[in-house]
Structures are given as structure tokens and as C-alpha cells.
Protein backbone atom coordinates (compact mmCIF):
# COMPACT_ATOMS: atom_id res chain seq x y z
CA MET A 1 106.92 112.24 -51.26
CA ASN A 2 108.35 115.05 -49.21
CA GLY A 3 106.60 114.16 -45.94
CA PRO A 4 108.46 113.25 -42.76
CA VAL A 5 109.72 109.74 -42.24
CA ASP A 6 110.63 108.06 -38.98
CA GLY A 7 112.88 105.28 -40.22
CA ASN A 8 110.66 102.45 -38.98
CA ALA A 9 110.17 100.89 -42.41
CA ARG A 10 113.91 101.09 -43.13
CA GLU A 11 114.85 99.55 -39.80
CA ALA A 12 112.36 96.70 -40.16
CA PHE A 13 113.46 96.13 -43.73
CA ALA A 14 117.15 96.06 -42.76
CA GLY A 15 116.45 93.66 -39.90
CA ALA A 16 114.76 91.24 -42.28
CA GLU A 17 117.10 91.57 -45.25
CA LEU A 18 120.58 92.02 -43.80
CA PRO A 19 120.98 88.36 -42.73
CA ARG A 20 120.28 87.28 -46.33
CA ILE A 21 122.72 89.84 -47.70
CA GLU A 22 125.40 88.85 -45.19
CA ALA A 23 124.92 85.17 -46.06
CA ALA A 24 125.41 85.95 -49.77
CA LEU A 25 128.58 87.91 -48.98
CA GLU A 26 129.98 85.10 -46.83
CA ARG A 27 129.24 82.54 -49.58
CA ALA A 28 131.08 84.65 -52.11
CA VAL A 29 134.18 85.23 -49.95
CA GLY A 30 134.17 81.56 -48.91
CA ARG A 31 135.58 80.81 -52.38
CA LEU A 32 138.90 82.42 -51.44
CA GLY A 33 141.84 80.58 -49.96
CA GLU A 34 144.11 81.99 -47.29
CA PRO A 35 145.35 84.59 -46.57
CA LEU A 36 143.09 86.38 -49.09
CA GLY A 37 139.93 85.00 -47.52
CA ALA A 38 140.85 86.22 -44.05
CA ALA A 39 141.76 89.70 -45.32
CA ALA A 40 138.58 89.95 -47.40
CA LEU A 41 136.40 88.83 -44.50
CA TYR A 42 138.12 91.32 -42.21
CA ALA A 43 137.29 94.13 -44.64
CA LEU A 44 133.68 92.95 -45.01
CA ARG A 45 133.10 92.40 -41.31
CA ALA A 46 134.48 95.77 -40.25
CA GLY A 47 130.95 97.08 -40.14
CA GLY A 48 129.37 99.65 -42.39
CA LYS A 49 125.79 100.55 -43.14
CA ARG A 50 125.32 98.20 -46.15
CA VAL A 51 123.49 101.07 -47.85
CA ARG A 52 124.22 99.80 -51.37
CA PRO A 53 122.99 96.20 -51.08
CA LEU A 54 119.97 97.28 -49.05
CA LEU A 55 119.10 99.75 -51.80
CA THR A 56 119.44 96.96 -54.37
CA VAL A 57 116.97 94.76 -52.50
CA ALA A 58 114.61 97.66 -51.78
CA SER A 59 114.66 98.67 -55.46
CA PHE A 60 113.99 95.07 -56.48
CA GLN A 61 110.94 94.92 -54.24
CA ALA A 62 109.69 98.37 -55.27
CA ALA A 63 109.98 97.26 -58.91
CA GLY A 64 107.78 94.25 -58.20
CA GLY A 65 110.46 91.60 -57.79
CA SER A 66 110.24 88.57 -55.52
CA GLY A 67 112.46 85.60 -54.74
CA ASP A 68 116.05 85.03 -53.67
CA ALA A 69 117.96 85.88 -56.86
CA VAL A 70 118.38 89.48 -55.74
CA TYR A 71 120.72 88.60 -52.85
CA PRO A 72 123.76 87.63 -54.94
CA VAL A 73 123.07 90.78 -57.01
CA ALA A 74 123.09 92.89 -53.85
CA ALA A 75 126.22 91.10 -52.66
CA ALA A 76 127.95 91.87 -55.96
CA VAL A 77 127.46 95.59 -55.41
CA GLU A 78 128.80 95.42 -51.84
CA LEU A 79 131.80 93.35 -52.91
CA VAL A 80 132.76 96.05 -55.43
CA HIS A 81 132.27 98.72 -52.76
CA THR A 82 134.40 96.85 -50.22
CA TYR A 83 137.18 96.30 -52.75
CA SER A 84 137.19 100.04 -53.42
CA LEU A 85 137.49 100.87 -49.71
CA LEU A 86 140.26 98.35 -49.23
CA HIS A 87 142.27 99.86 -52.10
CA ASP A 88 141.44 103.46 -51.17
CA ASP A 89 142.99 102.90 -47.75
CA LEU A 90 146.34 101.71 -49.14
CA PRO A 91 149.43 103.91 -48.66
CA CYS A 92 149.62 104.56 -52.41
CA MET A 93 146.10 106.00 -52.31
CA ASP A 94 144.65 107.69 -49.21
CA ASP A 95 146.94 105.95 -46.66
CA ASP A 96 144.23 105.67 -44.02
CA LEU A 97 144.94 104.11 -40.63
CA LEU A 98 141.31 103.55 -39.58
CA ARG A 99 138.22 102.33 -41.36
CA ARG A 100 134.97 102.21 -39.38
CA GLY A 101 136.95 102.63 -36.17
CA LEU A 102 139.24 99.63 -36.81
CA PRO A 103 142.77 99.37 -38.21
CA THR A 104 142.62 99.27 -41.99
CA THR A 105 143.13 95.92 -43.73
CA HIS A 106 146.66 96.64 -44.92
CA ARG A 107 147.73 97.45 -41.36
CA VAL A 108 146.53 94.03 -40.22
CA TYR A 109 147.48 91.82 -43.20
CA GLY A 110 150.13 93.88 -45.00
CA GLU A 111 149.93 95.90 -48.19
CA ARG A 112 150.49 93.04 -50.63
CA VAL A 113 147.78 90.81 -49.19
CA ALA A 114 145.37 93.75 -48.90
CA MET A 115 145.92 94.73 -52.52
CA ALA A 116 145.40 91.16 -53.73
CA ALA A 117 142.32 90.72 -51.54
CA GLY A 118 140.79 93.85 -53.01
CA ALA A 119 141.38 92.57 -56.54
CA ALA A 120 139.85 89.23 -55.58
CA LEU A 121 136.73 90.93 -54.20
CA GLN A 122 136.13 92.58 -57.58
CA GLN A 123 136.36 89.20 -59.33
CA LEU A 124 134.00 87.65 -56.77
CA ALA A 125 131.47 90.42 -57.44
CA PHE A 126 130.96 89.27 -61.01
CA LEU A 127 130.82 85.64 -59.98
CA SER A 128 128.13 86.57 -57.48
CA LEU A 129 126.19 88.46 -60.13
CA ALA A 130 126.31 85.43 -62.43
CA GLU A 131 125.06 83.24 -59.57
CA ALA A 132 121.75 85.12 -59.65
CA ALA A 133 120.85 83.53 -62.99
CA ALA A 134 121.44 80.09 -61.51
CA ILE A 135 118.86 80.89 -58.82
CA ASP A 136 116.37 82.41 -61.27
CA PRO A 137 116.82 81.24 -64.90
CA GLU A 138 114.58 84.08 -66.07
CA LEU A 139 117.46 86.42 -65.24
CA ALA A 140 119.66 84.84 -67.92
CA ASP A 141 118.42 87.17 -70.67
CA ARG A 142 118.91 90.25 -68.47
CA LEU A 143 122.29 89.25 -67.07
CA PRO A 144 124.49 90.69 -69.87
CA ALA A 145 122.96 94.15 -69.39
CA MET A 146 123.38 93.84 -65.62
CA VAL A 147 127.05 92.84 -65.99
CA ARG A 148 127.63 95.84 -68.28
CA ARG A 149 125.98 98.17 -65.79
CA LEU A 150 128.04 96.98 -62.82
CA ALA A 151 131.27 96.98 -64.86
CA ALA A 152 130.66 100.53 -66.07
CA ALA A 153 129.89 101.74 -62.54
CA ALA A 154 133.00 100.06 -61.13
CA GLY A 155 135.47 100.90 -63.90
CA SER A 156 137.08 103.83 -65.64
CA GLU A 157 133.69 105.36 -66.51
CA GLY A 158 132.67 105.26 -62.86
CA MET A 159 134.33 104.51 -59.55
CA VAL A 160 137.91 103.86 -60.71
CA GLY A 161 137.88 106.88 -63.00
CA GLY A 162 136.42 109.03 -60.25
CA GLN A 163 139.02 107.87 -57.77
CA LEU A 164 141.78 108.82 -60.19
CA LEU A 165 140.25 112.24 -60.77
CA ASP A 166 140.03 112.66 -56.99
CA LEU A 167 143.70 111.79 -56.53
CA LEU A 168 144.78 114.08 -59.36
CA ALA A 169 142.75 116.95 -57.87
CA GLU A 170 144.61 116.83 -54.54
CA GLY A 171 146.23 120.17 -53.79
CA SER A 172 143.95 122.05 -56.16
CA THR A 173 140.47 123.52 -55.95
CA PRO A 174 138.27 122.39 -58.85
CA ASP A 175 135.28 124.42 -59.98
CA PRO A 176 131.86 123.19 -58.81
CA ALA A 177 131.23 121.30 -62.07
CA GLY A 178 134.59 119.54 -61.84
CA LEU A 179 133.95 118.60 -58.22
CA GLU A 180 130.54 117.13 -59.08
CA ALA A 181 132.06 115.18 -61.98
CA ILE A 182 134.54 113.55 -59.58
CA HIS A 183 131.82 112.42 -57.21
CA ARG A 184 129.27 111.41 -59.84
CA ALA A 185 131.90 108.90 -60.95
CA LYS A 186 133.59 108.02 -57.65
CA THR A 187 130.49 107.58 -55.44
CA ALA A 188 127.24 108.13 -57.30
CA ALA A 189 127.87 105.69 -60.16
CA LEU A 190 127.90 102.62 -57.92
CA LEU A 191 124.87 103.75 -55.91
CA SER A 192 123.03 104.36 -59.16
CA ALA A 193 123.94 100.88 -60.34
CA ALA A 194 122.85 99.39 -57.00
CA CYS A 195 119.33 100.72 -57.48
CA ALA A 196 119.09 100.05 -61.20
CA LEU A 197 120.33 96.48 -60.79
CA GLY A 198 117.48 95.85 -58.36
CA GLY A 199 115.03 97.04 -60.98
CA GLU A 200 116.65 94.96 -63.71
CA ALA A 201 116.68 91.86 -61.52
CA ALA A 202 112.93 92.38 -61.02
CA GLY A 203 112.36 92.53 -64.78
CA ALA A 204 111.14 96.14 -64.63
CA GLY A 205 110.73 98.22 -67.76
CA PRO A 206 113.10 101.00 -68.86
CA GLN A 207 111.08 103.81 -67.22
CA VAL A 208 111.28 102.21 -63.78
CA VAL A 209 114.94 101.19 -64.15
CA ASP A 210 115.87 104.71 -65.28
CA ALA A 211 113.95 106.22 -62.36
CA LEU A 212 115.79 103.97 -59.91
CA ALA A 213 119.14 104.79 -61.54
CA ASN A 214 118.43 108.53 -61.27
CA PHE A 215 117.36 108.13 -57.66
CA GLY A 216 120.57 106.24 -56.88
CA THR A 217 122.72 108.87 -58.58
CA HIS A 218 121.37 111.62 -56.36
CA VAL A 219 121.45 109.47 -53.25
CA GLY A 220 125.12 108.96 -54.12
CA LEU A 221 125.76 112.67 -54.51
CA ALA A 222 124.01 113.37 -51.21
CA PHE A 223 126.01 110.59 -49.54
CA GLN A 224 129.34 112.04 -50.75
CA ILE A 225 128.42 115.59 -49.84
CA VAL A 226 127.49 114.47 -46.33
CA ASP A 227 130.70 112.44 -46.02
CA ASP A 228 132.74 115.48 -47.03
CA LEU A 229 130.94 117.58 -44.45
CA LEU A 230 131.35 115.01 -41.68
CA ASP A 231 135.10 115.03 -42.28
CA VAL A 232 134.99 118.66 -41.13
CA THR A 233 132.20 118.61 -38.55
CA GLY A 234 131.81 114.96 -37.52
CA ASP A 235 132.76 113.23 -34.29
CA PRO A 236 135.46 110.60 -35.01
CA THR A 237 134.02 108.33 -32.31
CA ARG A 238 130.81 108.17 -34.37
CA THR A 239 132.19 108.30 -37.92
CA GLY A 240 135.01 105.78 -37.26
CA LYS A 241 137.46 107.97 -39.20
CA ALA A 242 139.95 110.62 -38.20
CA ALA A 243 138.56 114.14 -38.50
CA GLY A 244 140.20 116.54 -40.92
CA ALA A 245 141.78 113.83 -43.07
CA ASP A 246 140.47 115.36 -46.30
CA ALA A 247 141.88 118.79 -45.46
CA ALA A 248 145.22 117.28 -44.44
CA ARG A 249 145.53 115.66 -47.87
CA GLN A 250 144.20 118.79 -49.61
CA LYS A 251 141.31 116.81 -51.07
CA ALA A 252 138.78 118.32 -53.43
CA THR A 253 135.67 118.39 -51.23
CA TYR A 254 132.33 120.16 -51.11
CA PRO A 255 133.19 122.23 -48.00
CA ALA A 256 136.48 123.29 -49.62
CA VAL A 257 134.64 124.50 -52.73
CA HIS A 258 131.28 125.67 -51.31
CA GLY A 259 131.80 126.27 -47.58
CA ILE A 260 129.91 124.47 -44.82
CA GLU A 261 126.48 126.11 -45.07
CA ARG A 262 126.33 125.90 -48.85
CA THR A 263 127.42 122.26 -48.61
CA ARG A 264 124.45 121.51 -46.37
CA GLU A 265 122.23 123.13 -48.98
CA GLN A 266 123.83 121.03 -51.73
CA ALA A 267 123.05 117.85 -49.80
CA ASP A 268 119.43 118.88 -49.37
CA MET A 269 119.16 119.77 -53.08
CA ALA A 270 120.53 116.38 -54.13
CA ALA A 271 118.07 114.68 -51.78
CA ASP A 272 115.18 116.63 -53.28
CA VAL A 273 116.11 115.52 -56.81
CA ALA A 274 116.32 111.93 -55.56
CA ARG A 275 112.81 112.13 -54.06
CA ARG A 276 111.35 113.48 -57.28
CA ALA A 277 113.09 110.78 -59.32
CA LEU A 278 110.86 108.16 -57.69
CA GLY A 279 107.73 109.65 -59.25
CA PRO A 280 107.17 106.70 -61.62
CA LEU A 281 107.13 104.36 -58.60
CA ALA A 282 104.77 106.41 -56.44
CA GLY A 283 102.51 104.26 -54.28
CA ARG A 284 104.41 101.02 -54.82
CA ASP A 285 105.35 98.75 -51.94
CA GLY A 286 108.95 99.34 -50.94
CA VAL A 287 109.23 102.97 -52.01
CA ASP A 288 108.98 104.06 -48.36
CA VAL A 289 112.18 102.11 -47.64
CA LEU A 290 113.99 103.91 -50.47
CA LEU A 291 112.85 107.28 -49.17
CA GLU A 292 113.74 106.49 -45.56
CA THR A 293 117.20 105.34 -46.68
CA LEU A 294 117.66 108.68 -48.41
CA GLU A 295 116.64 110.51 -45.24
CA PHE A 296 119.03 108.37 -43.21
CA VAL A 297 121.88 109.38 -45.52
CA VAL A 298 121.12 113.10 -45.34
CA ASP A 299 120.04 113.36 -41.71
CA ARG A 300 123.56 112.56 -40.54
CA ILE A 301 124.26 116.30 -40.89
CA HIS A 302 121.04 117.60 -39.31
């Protein structure tokens, strides 16, 4: 599982699956009236790699799933992610001016509309998740566990709690364990849920679901470590964000705690754990896409 990958499987997979994911996202946001709908669509259409929903679909296929019920599940994960970005950018949080190279949603639609649109996206995520059982009735028995998993990843045990810890850590330098705790909750929890939800939607057993969840956790850690590093070393014309923003806000980041070279090593270590986590799925169709997505995440710093 440690051999080189060229990204061809990931690119072909994304080309085939992204239109279905985008259609599910548009259906979900189409439930909103104006101006919330316009603000939510602006946030969704600002670009982004769609790593989370693609991982959900790839995990579903690697776990033996088939059919269309996975797309509203994948959309649910991306809706939660987009809501978090929209709120993170607000002046009361990170006060960002750019997201993916475009003015942030609150700069275009105002803070009040942006805040309400973010809240609406979270509600739409759970509606989208419920829609999966309407497409595939066999999901009905698994849906409560899937709702619990997404709620835990999005809430105080996961992303929201991690964001608060991140804000409270501004101006201080946490120890390495404290830094990892922030990012396991803030970033890794939702990526873990994205992969595990794909396995659950496929009806996979606990061993496979746990393997996918572990893989997603370490993809998430690698993703955050790389993001922290790119804030220091990245080209704003490629990242779509102002360089040095984390340092300006005195954020708790991997380069601030470990230095640049050690941070690169941390990213590679997280990626190695992620690769090994997929052992129970070795040889299955779709695992190559999961591995190539991991390499895509980490190779941004190489």
C-alpha cells in the first residue's frame, strides 16, 4: 500500500462522481428561500476540492456499496463542512476576507445573512442524510447510527468543540498533545465521519467501518498539518488565501509548535498511519481512490 500513485484513478473517479455530488448539493440548497439560498449557493460554488464527499463515495464503493443513496450522504458531509467555513470566516471568528480566492460570503451578503445561511446549511445536512433512506429503504435501520455519527463529528465533541479550542488557544503555544487534540476535533472528526458514513451506507461490518473511520481521522490530521504549513510556505495565488494569516492571529499551528521541517515529517507520519488503516480493505475496488486522495492531500507540500 505504500507504492507510488499517479492520481489517475482519483481524477477519473472525481470526473465521474462530482456531477452527482454537485446535483445533490444543489437539490439540498434549493430548499432555501432568498436571500439565504443565494448566500448558501455562493459559499458552495466558491470552489474547493470536495475532498470530504468524494471520500464518502469512495469509501462506499470500497465497502461494496452500489446505487444512488450515497450521494445525499456525501452532500450532507459537504454541507456541514461549508457551514463551518462560512462561520469560520465571520468577523467574530477568523475574520477572513478571502475564501478560495473570492470575497468571503459575509463580505458579499452581510454578516447577518451569512450567519443565518451557515445555520441553514447545517439543518439541510441532516435533511439530506435522511433523504438517503428514501432512495434506499434498506438504509432506514442504519440511519440513526449515521445521524449520530455526523452529529458527533459536527458538534461539541468534534468540529464545533475543536473550533472553540482553536479560538481559545490564540496567543498561546499549546503542547503537541494539545495541538493534536484541537485538530482531531476541528478537522479530523468530520473527515473520519465522511469515510465511515460511506461504509455505513454500504452496509459494511464494524471492522470495515472502523478501518475507514481511522483512515479518515489520519487523512484529516494530514490535511490540517498541510494547511498549517501552506499558510507559511504556500503561494496565495494557488491556495486562495492570504499567506501568514495564522501567524497574524497567533493561531496554534503545527509550524508554530514543531517548526517547518518537523511539520513536514508529521504530515508524512499521519499519512503512513492512514495507509496502514486500510489493511482490512486491501485489494478491494475503490481502495486505490482512497490512497490517491491521501497522496493528493499530502503532496501539496512536496
